[in-house]
Amino acid sequence: MLTVSQEIYDAIVAHARRDHPDEACGIVAGPEGSDRPERFVPMANAERSPTFYRLDPAEQFKVWREMDDRDEEPVIVYHSHTSTEARPSRTDISYASEPNAHYVLVSTRDTDKLGDFQFRSFRIVDGEVTEEPVTVL
C-alpha cells in the first residue's frame, strides 16, 4: 500500500495538469530503506510528448547523485498519461527499474472536467504489475 501526504499528492497532480497535454514525470524521494515519500522532485520529460516520457539523462544523473548524498532512494516514480487510463503501458513496464518503488500514474485525459482524473499506484517487479491501494493523509 502507498501512503502519501496530501501535499505530495497535490503536487504530483498539479505537475501532471501543468504539463498537459504532454506527459509529466518525476520522483518522490525518501530515506533509504523506508517507504516514506518525503521530497517531491518534478523532472523534465526529455521527450516533450503526449504519449511517451523519458527522464532527461543529465537531470536523472544529478537527482540520483543528490539522493545518494542524502541517503535517499526513489520511493515514488510518477508520470502522467494524457489520453489513456492510469495504468502502466508495456513501455512503462519495460522501463521500470526500481523494484522498491511505487509507480504512480495520473491520467489527465479528462482534464477539461475539473477534478476529474485518476491517481493510481502500482508495484512493478520483473515485469509483473500489481496495483496497490493509495492512502492520502
Protein backbone atom coordinates (compact mmCIF):
# COMPACT_ATOMS: atom_id res chain seq x y z
CA MET A 1 0.00 0.00 0.00
CA LEU A 2 1.18 3.53 -0.78
CA THR A 3 0.69 6.15 1.93
CA VAL A 4 1.30 9.69 0.77
CA SER A 5 0.74 13.15 2.27
CA GLN A 6 -1.93 15.41 0.83
CA GLU A 7 0.83 17.90 -0.06
CA ILE A 8 2.77 15.41 -2.19
CA TYR A 9 -0.43 14.00 -3.74
CA ASP A 10 -1.48 17.54 -4.72
CA ALA A 11 2.00 18.35 -6.08
CA ILE A 12 2.01 15.26 -8.35
CA VAL A 13 -1.48 16.05 -9.67
CA ALA A 14 -0.60 19.73 -10.20
CA HIS A 15 2.53 18.77 -12.15
CA ALA A 16 0.53 16.38 -14.34
CA ARG A 17 -2.07 19.07 -15.05
CA ARG A 18 0.56 21.77 -15.65
CA ASP A 19 2.44 19.71 -18.27
CA HIS A 20 -0.74 18.51 -20.04
CA PRO A 21 -1.02 17.84 -22.97
CA ASP A 22 2.50 16.39 -22.60
CA GLU A 23 3.25 13.64 -20.09
CA ALA A 24 4.73 14.83 -16.80
CA CYS A 25 7.28 12.83 -14.82
CA GLY A 26 9.33 12.87 -11.65
CA ILE A 27 10.05 11.14 -8.39
CA VAL A 28 9.39 11.47 -4.70
CA ALA A 29 12.46 10.61 -2.66
CA GLY A 30 12.54 9.20 0.85
CA PRO A 31 15.04 7.81 3.34
CA GLU A 32 16.82 4.65 2.18
CA GLY A 33 15.12 1.52 3.43
CA SER A 34 11.91 3.33 4.31
CA ASP A 35 8.66 3.53 2.45
CA ARG A 36 8.08 7.22 3.26
CA PRO A 37 7.76 9.55 0.28
CA GLU A 38 9.05 12.90 1.55
CA ARG A 39 10.82 15.03 -1.08
CA PHE A 40 8.92 15.91 -4.27
CA VAL A 41 11.21 16.19 -7.31
CA PRO A 42 9.45 17.13 -10.55
CA MET A 43 11.60 16.37 -13.57
CA ALA A 44 11.60 17.29 -17.25
CA ASN A 45 10.13 14.94 -19.82
CA ALA A 46 13.01 14.79 -22.30
CA GLU A 47 10.58 13.62 -24.99
CA ARG A 48 8.10 16.51 -24.53
CA SER A 49 5.44 14.14 -25.80
CA PRO A 50 1.75 13.48 -25.08
CA THR A 51 2.30 9.73 -25.49
CA PHE A 52 5.73 8.97 -24.04
CA TYR A 53 8.04 10.10 -21.27
CA ARG A 54 11.73 9.75 -20.61
CA LEU A 55 13.63 11.30 -17.75
CA ASP A 56 16.34 13.62 -19.03
CA PRO A 57 19.56 11.61 -18.54
CA ALA A 58 21.63 14.54 -17.22
CA GLU A 59 18.89 15.57 -14.80
CA GLN A 60 18.37 11.97 -13.71
CA PHE A 61 22.09 11.57 -13.01
CA LYS A 62 22.04 14.77 -10.91
CA VAL A 63 18.92 13.75 -8.97
CA TRP A 64 20.18 10.20 -8.28
CA ARG A 65 23.55 11.58 -7.12
CA GLU A 66 21.70 14.01 -4.84
CA MET A 67 19.66 11.11 -3.41
CA ASP A 68 22.89 9.17 -2.76
CA ASP A 69 24.36 12.17 -0.94
CA ARG A 70 21.22 12.47 1.20
CA ASP A 71 20.87 8.69 1.87
CA GLU A 72 17.60 8.64 -0.08
CA GLU A 73 16.02 6.46 -2.72
CA PRO A 74 13.11 6.92 -5.14
CA VAL A 75 10.04 5.88 -3.15
CA ILE A 76 7.66 7.03 -5.91
CA VAL A 77 8.36 7.20 -9.63
CA TYR A 78 5.47 9.00 -11.28
CA HIS A 79 4.27 10.09 -14.68
CA SER A 80 1.03 11.02 -16.36
CA HIS A 81 -0.99 9.59 -19.19
CA THR A 82 -2.74 12.27 -21.21
CA SER A 83 -5.20 10.25 -23.27
CA THR A 84 -5.44 6.84 -21.59
CA GLU A 85 -6.29 5.50 -18.17
CA ALA A 86 -3.74 5.48 -15.36
CA ARG A 87 -2.36 2.00 -15.98
CA PRO A 88 1.23 1.06 -16.91
CA SER A 89 1.81 0.54 -20.63
CA ARG A 90 4.12 -2.17 -21.97
CA THR A 91 6.79 0.51 -22.35
CA ASP A 92 6.29 1.68 -18.76
CA ILE A 93 6.67 -1.89 -17.54
CA SER A 94 9.83 -2.47 -19.59
CA TYR A 95 11.43 0.73 -18.20
CA ALA A 96 10.54 0.04 -14.54
CA SER A 97 13.96 -0.36 -12.95
CA GLU A 98 13.35 0.46 -9.27
CA PRO A 99 11.95 -2.72 -7.67
CA ASN A 100 11.23 -1.00 -4.33
CA ALA A 101 9.44 1.99 -5.86
CA HIS A 102 5.75 2.72 -6.11
CA TYR A 103 4.92 3.57 -9.72
CA VAL A 104 2.24 6.25 -9.68
CA LEU A 105 0.27 7.12 -12.77
CA VAL A 106 -2.05 10.10 -13.11
CA SER A 107 -4.43 10.24 -16.04
CA THR A 108 -5.22 13.75 -17.25
CA ARG A 109 -7.30 12.63 -20.23
CA ASP A 110 -10.44 14.28 -18.82
CA THR A 111 -8.62 17.40 -17.69
CA ASP A 112 -11.43 19.63 -19.02
CA LYS A 113 -13.63 18.28 -16.22
CA LEU A 114 -12.38 20.00 -13.07
CA GLY A 115 -11.25 17.44 -10.54
CA ASP A 116 -11.74 14.50 -12.92
CA PHE A 117 -8.50 12.49 -13.01
CA GLN A 118 -7.16 9.10 -11.95
CA PHE A 119 -4.33 8.65 -9.42
CA ARG A 120 -3.23 5.03 -9.14
CA SER A 121 -0.18 3.22 -7.76
CA PHE A 122 1.48 0.01 -8.90
CA ARG A 123 4.39 -2.19 -7.95
CA ILE A 124 6.35 -3.39 -10.97
CA VAL A 125 8.90 -6.13 -10.31
CA ASP A 126 10.40 -8.32 -13.04
CA GLY A 127 7.65 -7.30 -15.45
CA GLU A 128 4.86 -8.22 -13.02
CA VAL A 129 2.39 -5.42 -12.30
CA THR A 130 0.36 -5.29 -9.10
CA GLU A 131 -2.00 -2.43 -8.33
CA GLU A 132 -1.99 -1.27 -4.73
CA PRO A 133 -4.31 0.92 -2.67
CA VAL A 134 -3.39 4.57 -2.08
CA THR A 135 -3.99 6.30 1.24
CA VAL A 136 -3.73 10.09 1.35
CA LEU A 137 -3.08 11.63 4.78
